[in-house]
């Protein structure tokens, strides 16, 4: 149970940050296009592209990441309690991490 909680915290943190990053990158392109276009409300992408972007980039990467990500084996995580310190200190999901991911989205 401890190993699952540790891995779950790491995975959920990355999925939330990835989702915010993806939206920041997508909305920034729409915002900049509207500035250049004189705030006319014209969309740069067709509606099916917007839906496909959100469905493809929101659904597949977290699923693949959830199946593939494991930084250490379960036996190692149980035998080295220092590995749980990152979760207790909120190192994977904090304001600095959020700023870095959103900055990359710009």
PDB file of N, CA and C in Angstrom:
ATOM      1  N   UNK A   1       0.813  -1.189   0.000  1.00  0.00           N
ATOM      2  CA  UNK A   1       0.000   0.000   0.000  1.00  0.00           C
ATOM      3  C   UNK A   1       0.867   1.268   0.000  1.00  0.00           C
ATOM      4  N   UNK A   2       1.981   1.246   0.715  1.00  0.00           N
ATOM      5  CA  UNK A   2       2.859   2.407   0.743  1.00  0.00           C
ATOM      6  C   UNK A   2       3.453   2.697  -0.630  1.00  0.00           C
ATOM      7  N   UNK A   3       3.850   1.645  -1.309  1.00  0.00           N
ATOM      8  CA  UNK A   3       4.447   1.816  -2.636  1.00  0.00           C
ATOM      9  C   UNK A   3       3.413   2.390  -3.599  1.00  0.00           C
ATOM     10  N   UNK A   4       2.192   1.897  -3.535  1.00  0.00           N
ATOM     11  CA  UNK A   4       1.136   2.405  -4.410  1.00  0.00           C
ATOM     12  C   UNK A   4       0.867   3.883  -4.129  1.00  0.00           C
ATOM     13  N   UNK A   5       0.820   4.268  -2.869  1.00  0.00           N
ATOM     14  CA  UNK A   5       0.577   5.666  -2.528  1.00  0.00           C
ATOM     15  C   UNK A   5       1.687   6.580  -3.007  1.00  0.00           C
ATOM     16  N   UNK A   6       2.922   6.128  -2.858  1.00  0.00           N
ATOM     17  CA  UNK A   6       4.053   6.923  -3.334  1.00  0.00           C
ATOM     18  C   UNK A   6       4.008   7.103  -4.848  1.00  0.00           C
ATOM     19  N   UNK A   7       3.802   6.003  -5.561  1.00  0.00           N
ATOM     20  CA  UNK A   7       3.726   6.085  -7.016  1.00  0.00           C
ATOM     21  C   UNK A   7       2.510   6.889  -7.469  1.00  0.00           C
ATOM     22  N   UNK A   8       1.400   6.734  -6.780  1.00  0.00           N
ATOM     23  CA  UNK A   8       0.194   7.464  -7.146  1.00  0.00           C
ATOM     24  C   UNK A   8       0.391   8.969  -6.979  1.00  0.00           C
ATOM     25  N   UNK A   9       1.022   9.391  -5.888  1.00  0.00           N
ATOM     26  CA  UNK A   9       1.283  10.816  -5.685  1.00  0.00           C
ATOM     27  C   UNK A   9       2.136  11.375  -6.819  1.00  0.00           C
ATOM     28  N   UNK A  10       3.178  10.664  -7.175  1.00  0.00           N
ATOM     29  CA  UNK A  10       4.054  11.132  -8.251  1.00  0.00           C
ATOM     30  C   UNK A  10       3.306  11.215  -9.579  1.00  0.00           C
ATOM     31  N   UNK A  11       2.511  10.200  -9.873  1.00  0.00           N
ATOM     32  CA  UNK A  11       1.787  10.155 -11.140  1.00  0.00           C
ATOM     33  C   UNK A  11       0.706  11.227 -11.209  1.00  0.00           C
ATOM     34  N   UNK A  12      -0.052  11.389 -10.151  1.00  0.00           N
ATOM     35  CA  UNK A  12      -1.118  12.396 -10.147  1.00  0.00           C
ATOM     36  C   UNK A  12      -0.532  13.802 -10.271  1.00  0.00           C
ATOM     37  N   UNK A  13       0.584  14.055  -9.602  1.00  0.00           N
ATOM     38  CA  UNK A  13       1.223  15.362  -9.700  1.00  0.00           C
ATOM     39  C   UNK A  13       1.615  15.670 -11.144  1.00  0.00           C
ATOM     40  N   UNK A  14       2.219  14.706 -11.819  1.00  0.00           N
ATOM     41  CA  UNK A  14       2.646  14.925 -13.201  1.00  0.00           C
ATOM     42  C   UNK A  14       1.442  15.076 -14.134  1.00  0.00           C
ATOM     43  N   UNK A  15       0.392  14.300 -13.920  1.00  0.00           N
ATOM     44  CA  UNK A  15      -0.785  14.395 -14.785  1.00  0.00           C
ATOM     45  C   UNK A  15      -1.455  15.761 -14.635  1.00  0.00           C
ATOM     46  N   UNK A  16      -1.571  16.272 -13.420  1.00  0.00           N
ATOM     47  CA  UNK A  16      -2.170  17.592 -13.213  1.00  0.00           C
ATOM     48  C   UNK A  16      -1.309  18.666 -13.856  1.00  0.00           C
ATOM     49  N   UNK A  17      -0.006  18.611 -13.630  1.00  0.00           N
ATOM     50  CA  UNK A  17       0.884  19.607 -14.222  1.00  0.00           C
ATOM     51  C   UNK A  17       0.880  19.524 -15.741  1.00  0.00           C
ATOM     52  N   UNK A  18       0.832  18.327 -16.279  1.00  0.00           N
ATOM     53  CA  UNK A  18       0.789  18.159 -17.734  1.00  0.00           C
ATOM     54  C   UNK A  18      -0.501  18.730 -18.308  1.00  0.00           C
ATOM     55  N   UNK A  19      -1.602  18.499 -17.635  1.00  0.00           N
ATOM     56  CA  UNK A  19      -2.885  19.007 -18.116  1.00  0.00           C
ATOM     57  C   UNK A  19      -2.886  20.540 -18.146  1.00  0.00           C
ATOM     58  N   UNK A  20      -2.357  21.161 -17.111  1.00  0.00           N
ATOM     59  CA  UNK A  20      -2.288  22.626 -17.084  1.00  0.00           C
ATOM     60  C   UNK A  20      -1.311  23.148 -18.135  1.00  0.00           C
ATOM     61  N   UNK A  21      -0.196  22.459 -18.317  1.00  0.00           N
ATOM     62  CA  UNK A  21       0.781  22.839 -19.342  1.00  0.00           C
ATOM     63  C   UNK A  21       0.159  22.777 -20.736  1.00  0.00           C
ATOM     64  N   UNK A  22      -0.557  21.701 -21.002  1.00  0.00           N
ATOM     65  CA  UNK A  22      -1.180  21.504 -22.312  1.00  0.00           C
ATOM     66  C   UNK A  22      -2.191  22.614 -22.604  1.00  0.00           C
ATOM     67  N   UNK A  23      -2.995  22.934 -21.629  1.00  0.00           N
ATOM     68  CA  UNK A  23      -3.982  23.990 -21.827  1.00  0.00           C
ATOM     69  C   UNK A  23      -3.319  25.358 -21.994  1.00  0.00           C
ATOM     70  N   UNK A  24      -2.251  25.605 -21.247  1.00  0.00           N
ATOM     71  CA  UNK A  24      -1.544  26.883 -21.374  1.00  0.00           C
ATOM     72  C   UNK A  24      -0.962  27.035 -22.774  1.00  0.00           C
ATOM     73  N   UNK A  25      -0.369  25.987 -23.303  1.00  0.00           N
ATOM     74  CA  UNK A  25       0.203  26.041 -24.649  1.00  0.00           C
ATOM     75  C   UNK A  25      -0.885  26.249 -25.695  1.00  0.00           C
ATOM     76  N   UNK A  26      -2.008  25.588 -25.527  1.00  0.00           N
ATOM     77  CA  UNK A  26      -3.102  25.675 -26.494  1.00  0.00           C
ATOM     78  C   UNK A  26      -3.777  27.050 -26.450  1.00  0.00           C
ATOM     79  N   UNK A  27      -4.074  27.518 -25.259  1.00  0.00           N
ATOM     80  CA  UNK A  27      -4.779  28.799 -25.119  1.00  0.00           C
ATOM     81  C   UNK A  27      -3.875  29.972 -25.497  1.00  0.00           C
ATOM     82  N   UNK A  28      -2.575  29.844 -25.261  1.00  0.00           N
ATOM     83  CA  UNK A  28      -1.663  30.918 -25.644  1.00  0.00           C
ATOM     84  C   UNK A  28      -1.676  31.131 -27.155  1.00  0.00           C
ATOM     85  N   UNK A  29      -1.709  30.058 -27.911  1.00  0.00           N
ATOM     86  CA  UNK A  29      -1.753  30.218 -29.369  1.00  0.00           C
ATOM     87  C   UNK A  29      -3.067  30.865 -29.807  1.00  0.00           C
ATOM     88  N   UNK A  30      -4.165  30.503 -29.174  1.00  0.00           N
ATOM     89  CA  UNK A  30      -5.446  31.132 -29.504  1.00  0.00           C
ATOM     90  C   UNK A  30      -5.451  32.610 -29.137  1.00  0.00           C
ATOM     91  N   UNK A  31      -4.903  32.930 -27.966  1.00  0.00           N
ATOM     92  CA  UNK A  31      -4.862  34.317 -27.504  1.00  0.00           C
ATOM     93  C   UNK A  31      -4.006  35.179 -28.426  1.00  0.00           C
ATOM     94  N   UNK A  32      -2.837  34.702 -28.782  1.00  0.00           N
ATOM     95  CA  UNK A  32      -1.960  35.477 -29.665  1.00  0.00           C
ATOM     96  C   UNK A  32      -2.565  35.648 -31.057  1.00  0.00           C
ATOM     97  N   UNK A  33      -3.241  34.624 -31.544  1.00  0.00           N
ATOM     98  CA  UNK A  33      -3.908  34.740 -32.835  1.00  0.00           C
ATOM     99  C   UNK A  33      -4.997  35.807 -32.790  1.00  0.00           C
ATOM    100  N   UNK A  34      -5.750  35.859 -31.704  1.00  0.00           N
ATOM    101  CA  UNK A  34      -6.809  36.861 -31.592  1.00  0.00           C
ATOM    102  C   UNK A  34      -6.251  38.274 -31.492  1.00  0.00           C
ATOM    103  N   UNK A  35      -5.098  38.440 -30.873  1.00  0.00           N
ATOM    104  CA  UNK A  35      -4.475  39.767 -30.838  1.00  0.00           C
ATOM    105  C   UNK A  35      -4.121  40.210 -32.251  1.00  0.00           C
ATOM    106  N   UNK A  36      -3.476  39.330 -33.006  1.00  0.00           N
ATOM    107  CA  UNK A  36      -3.076  39.652 -34.374  1.00  0.00           C
ATOM    108  C   UNK A  36      -4.303  39.858 -35.263  1.00  0.00           C
ATOM    109  N   UNK A  37      -5.357  39.127 -34.987  1.00  0.00           N
ATOM    110  CA  UNK A  37      -6.566  39.164 -35.807  1.00  0.00           C
ATOM    111  C   UNK A  37      -7.518  40.287 -35.402  1.00  0.00           C
ATOM    112  N   UNK A  38      -7.111  41.136 -34.485  1.00  0.00           N
ATOM    113  CA  UNK A  38      -7.935  42.276 -34.107  1.00  0.00           C
ATOM    114  C   UNK A  38      -9.121  41.904 -33.229  1.00  0.00           C
ATOM    115  N   UNK A  39      -9.013  40.890 -32.441  1.00  0.00           N
ATOM    116  CA  UNK A  39     -10.061  40.448 -31.514  1.00  0.00           C
ATOM    117  C   UNK A  39     -11.384  40.183 -32.225  1.00  0.00           C
ATOM    118  N   UNK A  40     -11.312  39.651 -33.434  1.00  0.00           N
ATOM    119  CA  UNK A  40     -12.521  39.424 -34.216  1.00  0.00           C
ATOM    120  C   UNK A  40     -13.287  38.182 -33.788  1.00  0.00           C
ATOM    121  N   UNK A  41     -12.683  37.302 -33.007  1.00  0.00           N
ATOM    122  CA  UNK A  41     -13.348  36.078 -32.582  1.00  0.00           C
ATOM    123  C   UNK A  41     -13.185  34.932 -33.565  1.00  0.00           C
ATOM    124  N   UNK A  42     -12.432  35.142 -34.620  1.00  0.00           N
ATOM    125  CA  UNK A  42     -12.181  34.083 -35.585  1.00  0.00           C
ATOM    126  C   UNK A  42     -11.284  33.030 -34.950  1.00  0.00           C
ATOM    127  N   UNK A  43     -11.648  31.790 -35.129  1.00  0.00           N
ATOM    128  CA  UNK A  43     -10.865  30.706 -34.534  1.00  0.00           C
ATOM    129  C   UNK A  43      -9.710  30.325 -35.448  1.00  0.00           C
ATOM    130  N   UNK A  44      -8.570  30.073 -34.861  1.00  0.00           N
ATOM    131  CA  UNK A  44      -7.412  29.647 -35.637  1.00  0.00           C
ATOM    132  C   UNK A  44      -7.525  28.172 -36.017  1.00  0.00           C
ATOM    133  N   UNK A  45      -8.224  27.395 -35.195  1.00  0.00           N
ATOM    134  CA  UNK A  45      -8.395  25.965 -35.438  1.00  0.00           C
ATOM    135  C   UNK A  45      -9.871  25.653 -35.630  1.00  0.00           C
ATOM    136  N   UNK A  46     -10.159  24.652 -36.433  1.00  0.00           N
ATOM    137  CA  UNK A  46     -11.534  24.167 -36.538  1.00  0.00           C
ATOM    138  C   UNK A  46     -11.936  23.507 -35.222  1.00  0.00           C
ATOM    139  N   UNK A  47     -13.242  23.408 -35.011  1.00  0.00           N
ATOM    140  CA  UNK A  47     -13.719  22.856 -33.749  1.00  0.00           C
ATOM    141  C   UNK A  47     -13.307  21.394 -33.572  1.00  0.00           C
ATOM    142  N   UNK A  48     -13.267  20.631 -34.647  1.00  0.00           N
ATOM    143  CA  UNK A  48     -12.893  19.221 -34.512  1.00  0.00           C
ATOM    144  C   UNK A  48     -11.420  19.069 -34.138  1.00  0.00           C
ATOM    145  N   UNK A  49     -10.581  20.037 -34.537  1.00  0.00           N
ATOM    146  CA  UNK A  49      -9.172  20.001 -34.147  1.00  0.00           C
ATOM    147  C   UNK A  49      -9.040  20.294 -32.662  1.00  0.00           C
ATOM    148  N   UNK A  50      -9.839  21.254 -32.166  1.00  0.00           N
ATOM    149  CA  UNK A  50      -9.789  21.560 -30.732  1.00  0.00           C
ATOM    150  C   UNK A  50     -10.234  20.365 -29.895  1.00  0.00           C
ATOM    151  N   UNK A  51     -11.292  19.710 -30.320  1.00  0.00           N
ATOM    152  CA  UNK A  51     -11.773  18.538 -29.590  1.00  0.00           C
ATOM    153  C   UNK A  51     -10.757  17.404 -29.690  1.00  0.00           C
ATOM    154  N   UNK A  52     -10.216  17.192 -30.861  1.00  0.00           N
ATOM    155  CA  UNK A  52      -9.223  16.141 -31.043  1.00  0.00           C
ATOM    156  C   UNK A  52      -7.953  16.394 -30.244  1.00  0.00           C
ATOM    157  N   UNK A  53      -7.528  17.642 -30.199  1.00  0.00           N
ATOM    158  CA  UNK A  53      -6.350  18.002 -29.418  1.00  0.00           C
ATOM    159  C   UNK A  53      -6.567  17.667 -27.951  1.00  0.00           C
ATOM    160  N   UNK A  54      -7.693  18.082 -27.417  1.00  0.00           N
ATOM    161  CA  UNK A  54      -7.952  17.806 -26.006  1.00  0.00           C
ATOM    162  C   UNK A  54      -8.140  16.327 -25.736  1.00  0.00           C
ATOM    163  N   UNK A  55      -8.810  15.633 -26.623  1.00  0.00           N
ATOM    164  CA  UNK A  55      -9.034  14.207 -26.403  1.00  0.00           C
ATOM    165  C   UNK A  55      -7.732  13.419 -26.542  1.00  0.00           C
ATOM    166  N   UNK A  56      -6.959  13.699 -27.577  1.00  0.00           N
ATOM    167  CA  UNK A  56      -5.743  12.948 -27.838  1.00  0.00           C
ATOM    168  C   UNK A  56      -4.659  13.265 -26.806  1.00  0.00           C
ATOM    169  N   UNK A  57      -4.458  14.539 -26.518  1.00  0.00           N
ATOM    170  CA  UNK A  57      -3.380  14.929 -25.622  1.00  0.00           C
ATOM    171  C   UNK A  57      -3.776  14.921 -24.151  1.00  0.00           C
ATOM    172  N   UNK A  58      -5.030  14.708 -23.850  1.00  0.00           N
ATOM    173  CA  UNK A  58      -5.440  14.582 -22.456  1.00  0.00           C
ATOM    174  C   UNK A  58      -5.617  13.126 -22.077  1.00  0.00           C
ATOM    175  N   UNK A  59      -6.037  12.302 -23.011  1.00  0.00           N
ATOM    176  CA  UNK A  59      -6.361  10.925 -22.706  1.00  0.00           C
ATOM    177  C   UNK A  59      -5.149   9.994 -22.792  1.00  0.00           C
ATOM    178  N   UNK A  60      -4.458  10.013 -23.906  1.00  0.00           N
ATOM    179  CA  UNK A  60      -3.391   9.033 -24.132  1.00  0.00           C
ATOM    180  C   UNK A  60      -2.131   9.227 -23.274  1.00  0.00           C
ATOM    181  N   UNK A  61      -1.538  10.405 -23.206  1.00  0.00           N
ATOM    182  CA  UNK A  61      -0.289  10.519 -22.435  1.00  0.00           C
ATOM    183  C   UNK A  61      -0.410  10.137 -20.961  1.00  0.00           C
ATOM    184  N   UNK A  62      -1.451  10.566 -20.229  1.00  0.00           N
ATOM    185  CA  UNK A  62      -1.534  10.120 -18.828  1.00  0.00           C
ATOM    186  C   UNK A  62      -1.720   8.609 -18.687  1.00  0.00           C
ATOM    187  N   UNK A  63      -2.461   8.002 -19.608  1.00  0.00           N
ATOM    188  CA  UNK A  63      -2.651   6.555 -19.546  1.00  0.00           C
ATOM    189  C   UNK A  63      -1.315   5.841 -19.773  1.00  0.00           C
ATOM    190  N   UNK A  64      -0.602   6.250 -20.799  1.00  0.00           N
ATOM    191  CA  UNK A  64       0.695   5.637 -21.094  1.00  0.00           C
ATOM    192  C   UNK A  64       1.679   5.892 -19.958  1.00  0.00           C
ATOM    193  N   UNK A  65       1.693   7.113 -19.451  1.00  0.00           N
ATOM    194  CA  UNK A  65       2.589   7.460 -18.346  1.00  0.00           C
ATOM    195  C   UNK A  65       2.268   6.626 -17.106  1.00  0.00           C
ATOM    196  N   UNK A  66       0.987   6.451 -16.814  1.00  0.00           N
ATOM    197  CA  UNK A  66       0.588   5.671 -15.651  1.00  0.00           C
ATOM    198  C   UNK A  66       1.026   4.226 -15.723  1.00  0.00           C
ATOM    199  N   UNK A  67       1.006   3.664 -16.915  1.00  0.00           N
ATOM    200  CA  UNK A  67       1.433   2.277 -17.068  1.00  0.00           C
ATOM    201  C   UNK A  67       2.949   2.123 -17.059  1.00  0.00           C
ATOM    202  N   UNK A  68       3.656   3.082 -17.597  1.00  0.00           N
ATOM    203  CA  UNK A  68       5.086   2.920 -17.812  1.00  0.00           C
ATOM    204  C   UNK A  68       5.965   3.476 -16.688  1.00  0.00           C
ATOM    205  N   UNK A  69       5.502   4.453 -15.944  1.00  0.00           N
ATOM    206  CA  UNK A  69       6.359   5.143 -14.989  1.00  0.00           C
ATOM    207  C   UNK A  69       6.524   4.343 -13.706  1.00  0.00           C
ATOM    208  N   UNK A  70       7.764   4.074 -13.365  1.00  0.00           N
ATOM    209  CA  UNK A  70       8.118   3.482 -12.080  1.00  0.00           C
ATOM    210  C   UNK A  70       9.599   3.777 -11.890  1.00  0.00           C
ATOM    211  N   UNK A  71       9.897   4.705 -10.989  1.00  0.00           N
ATOM    212  CA  UNK A  71      11.289   5.129 -10.843  1.00  0.00           C
ATOM    213  C   UNK A  71      12.141   4.104 -10.095  1.00  0.00           C
ATOM    214  N   UNK A  72      11.546   3.414  -9.119  1.00  0.00           N
ATOM    215  CA  UNK A  72      12.273   2.362  -8.403  1.00  0.00           C
ATOM    216  C   UNK A  72      11.362   1.149  -8.248  1.00  0.00           C
ATOM    217  N   UNK A  73      11.948   0.004  -8.021  1.00  0.00           N
ATOM    218  CA  UNK A  73      11.152  -1.212  -7.810  1.00  0.00           C
ATOM    219  C   UNK A  73      10.444  -1.143  -6.467  1.00  0.00           C
ATOM    220  N   UNK A  74       9.383  -1.903  -6.307  1.00  0.00           N
ATOM    221  CA  UNK A  74       8.592  -1.889  -5.079  1.00  0.00           C
ATOM    222  C   UNK A  74       9.430  -2.317  -3.869  1.00  0.00           C
ATOM    223  N   UNK A  75      10.276  -3.285  -4.044  1.00  0.00           N
ATOM    224  CA  UNK A  75      11.119  -3.753  -2.940  1.00  0.00           C
ATOM    225  C   UNK A  75      12.071  -2.653  -2.476  1.00  0.00           C
ATOM    226  N   UNK A  76      12.607  -1.898  -3.426  1.00  0.00           N
ATOM    227  CA  UNK A  76      13.513  -0.801  -3.088  1.00  0.00           C
ATOM    228  C   UNK A  76      12.765   0.298  -2.352  1.00  0.00           C
ATOM    229  N   UNK A  77      11.558   0.626  -2.803  1.00  0.00           N
ATOM    230  CA  UNK A  77      10.773   1.668  -2.146  1.00  0.00           C
ATOM    231  C   UNK A  77      10.431   1.290  -0.709  1.00  0.00           C
ATOM    232  N   UNK A  78      10.160   0.024  -0.473  1.00  0.00           N
ATOM    233  CA  UNK A  78       9.852  -0.419   0.892  1.00  0.00           C
ATOM    234  C   UNK A  78      11.083  -0.438   1.789  1.00  0.00           C
ATOM    235  N   UNK A  79      12.239  -0.728   1.220  1.00  0.00           N
ATOM    236  CA  UNK A  79      13.445  -0.844   2.038  1.00  0.00           C
ATOM    237  C   UNK A  79      14.168   0.484   2.257  1.00  0.00           C
ATOM    238  N   UNK A  80      13.846   1.513   1.483  1.00  0.00           N
ATOM    239  CA  UNK A  80      14.501   2.821   1.625  1.00  0.00           C
ATOM    240  C   UNK A  80      13.438   3.868   1.965  1.00  0.00           C
ATOM    241  N   UNK A  81      13.204   4.135   3.248  1.00  0.00           N
ATOM    242  CA  UNK A  81      12.127   5.062   3.623  1.00  0.00           C
ATOM    243  C   UNK A  81      12.390   6.515   3.219  1.00  0.00           C
ATOM    244  N   UNK A  82      13.627   6.867   2.901  1.00  0.00           N
ATOM    245  CA  UNK A  82      13.917   8.242   2.476  1.00  0.00           C
ATOM    246  C   UNK A  82      13.221   8.605   1.173  1.00  0.00           C
ATOM    247  N   UNK A  83      12.849   7.610   0.387  1.00  0.00           N
ATOM    248  CA  UNK A  83      12.167   7.875  -0.878  1.00  0.00           C
ATOM    249  C   UNK A  83      10.786   8.494  -0.671  1.00  0.00           C
ATOM    250  N   UNK A  84      10.202   8.309   0.496  1.00  0.00           N
ATOM    251  CA  UNK A  84       8.873   8.854   0.773  1.00  0.00           C
ATOM    252  C   UNK A  84       8.926  10.319   1.203  1.00  0.00           C
ATOM    253  N   UNK A  85      10.121  10.834   1.453  1.00  0.00           N
ATOM    254  CA  UNK A  85      10.271  12.221   1.897  1.00  0.00           C
ATOM    255  C   UNK A  85       9.833  13.233   0.863  1.00  0.00           C
ATOM    256  N   UNK A  86      10.011  12.920  -0.413  1.00  0.00           N
ATOM    257  CA  UNK A  86       9.610  13.863  -1.466  1.00  0.00           C
ATOM    258  C   UNK A  86       8.108  14.130  -1.421  1.00  0.00           C
ATOM    259  N   UNK A  87       7.327  13.111  -1.151  1.00  0.00           N
ATOM    260  CA  UNK A  87       5.881  13.296  -1.048  1.00  0.00           C
ATOM    261  C   UNK A  87       5.492  14.098   0.177  1.00  0.00           C
ATOM    262  N   UNK A  88       6.182  13.884   1.277  1.00  0.00           N
ATOM    263  CA  UNK A  88       5.881  14.617   2.500  1.00  0.00           C
ATOM    264  C   UNK A  88       6.282  16.079   2.398  1.00  0.00           C
ATOM    265  N   UNK A  89       7.289  16.369   1.594  1.00  0.00           N
ATOM    266  CA  UNK A  89       7.740  17.753   1.404  1.00  0.00           C
ATOM    267  C   UNK A  89       7.083  18.428   0.196  1.00  0.00           C
ATOM    268  N   UNK A  90       6.170  17.733  -0.459  1.00  0.00           N
ATOM    269  CA  UNK A  90       5.473  18.254  -1.655  1.00  0.00           C
ATOM    270  C   UNK A  90       6.447  18.698  -2.738  1.00  0.00           C
ATOM    271  N   UNK A  91       7.460  17.909  -2.987  1.00  0.00           N
ATOM    272  CA  UNK A  91       8.455  18.274  -3.989  1.00  0.00           C
ATOM    273  C   UNK A  91       7.962  18.085  -5.420  1.00  0.00           C
ATOM    274  N   UNK A  92       7.004  17.217  -5.629  1.00  0.00           N
ATOM    275  CA  UNK A  92       6.534  16.946  -6.990  1.00  0.00           C
ATOM    276  C   UNK A  92       5.395  17.855  -7.422  1.00  0.00           C
ATOM    277  N   UNK A  93       4.705  18.446  -6.470  1.00  0.00           N
ATOM    278  CA  UNK A  93       3.584  19.323  -6.817  1.00  0.00           C
ATOM    279  C   UNK A  93       3.581  20.490  -5.841  1.00  0.00           C
ATOM    280  N   UNK A  94       4.146  21.603  -6.288  1.00  0.00           N
ATOM    281  CA  UNK A  94       4.184  22.814  -5.474  1.00  0.00           C
ATOM    282  C   UNK A  94       4.151  24.025  -6.401  1.00  0.00           C
ATOM    283  N   UNK A  95       4.229  25.195  -5.840  1.00  0.00           N
ATOM    284  CA  UNK A  95       4.153  26.410  -6.638  1.00  0.00           C
ATOM    285  C   UNK A  95       5.289  26.564  -7.631  1.00  0.00           C
ATOM    286  N   UNK A  96       6.470  26.142  -7.243  1.00  0.00           N
ATOM    287  CA  UNK A  96       7.621  26.240  -8.151  1.00  0.00           C
ATOM    288  C   UNK A  96       7.420  25.320  -9.354  1.00  0.00           C
ATOM    289  N   UNK A  97       7.008  24.079  -9.092  1.00  0.00           N
ATOM    290  CA  UNK A  97       6.756  23.151 -10.188  1.00  0.00           C
ATOM    291  C   UNK A  97       5.651  23.665 -11.103  1.00  0.00           C
ATOM    292  N   UNK A  98       4.601  24.208 -10.516  1.00  0.00           N
ATOM    293  CA  UNK A  98       3.517  24.759 -11.319  1.00  0.00           C
ATOM    294  C   UNK A  98       4.017  25.902 -12.194  1.00  0.00           C
ATOM    295  N   UNK A  99       4.825  26.788 -11.632  1.00  0.00           N
ATOM    296  CA  UNK A  99       5.386  27.893 -12.409  1.00  0.00           C
ATOM    297  C   UNK A  99       6.274  27.431 -13.544  1.00  0.00           C
ATOM    298  N   UNK A 100       7.071  26.402 -13.286  1.00  0.00           N
ATOM    299  CA  UNK A 100       7.957  25.866 -14.330  1.00  0.00           C
ATOM    300  C   UNK A 100       7.140  25.277 -15.477  1.00  0.00           C
ATOM    301  N   UNK A 101       6.129  24.464 -15.147  1.00  0.00           N
ATOM    302  CA  UNK A 101       5.317  23.842 -16.188  1.00  0.00           C
ATOM    303  C   UNK A 101       4.517  24.888 -16.963  1.00  0.00           C
ATOM    304  N   UNK A 102       3.943  25.870 -16.278  1.00  0.00           N
ATOM    305  CA  UNK A 102       3.170  26.901 -16.990  1.00  0.00           C
ATOM    306  C   UNK A 102       4.083  27.796 -17.817  1.00  0.00           C
ATOM    307  N   UNK A 103       5.293  28.072 -17.297  1.00  0.00           N
ATOM    308  CA  UNK A 103       6.256  28.839 -18.067  1.00  0.00           C
ATOM    309  C   UNK A 103       6.655  28.113 -19.345  1.00  0.00           C
ATOM    310  N   UNK A 104       6.821  26.816 -19.257  1.00  0.00           N
ATOM    311  CA  UNK A 104       7.119  26.030 -20.455  1.00  0.00           C
ATOM    312  C   UNK A 104       5.965  26.034 -21.433  1.00  0.00           C
ATOM    313  N   UNK A 105       4.745  26.147 -20.917  1.00  0.00           N
ATOM    314  CA  UNK A 105       3.573  26.187 -21.793  1.00  0.00           C
ATOM    315  C   UNK A 105       3.480  27.468 -22.599  1.00  0.00           C
ATOM    316  N   UNK A 106       4.096  28.527 -22.074  1.00  0.00           N
ATOM    317  CA  UNK A 106       4.092  29.779 -22.826  1.00  0.00           C
ATOM    318  C   UNK A 106       5.046  29.691 -23.990  1.00  0.00           C
TER     319      UNK A 106
END
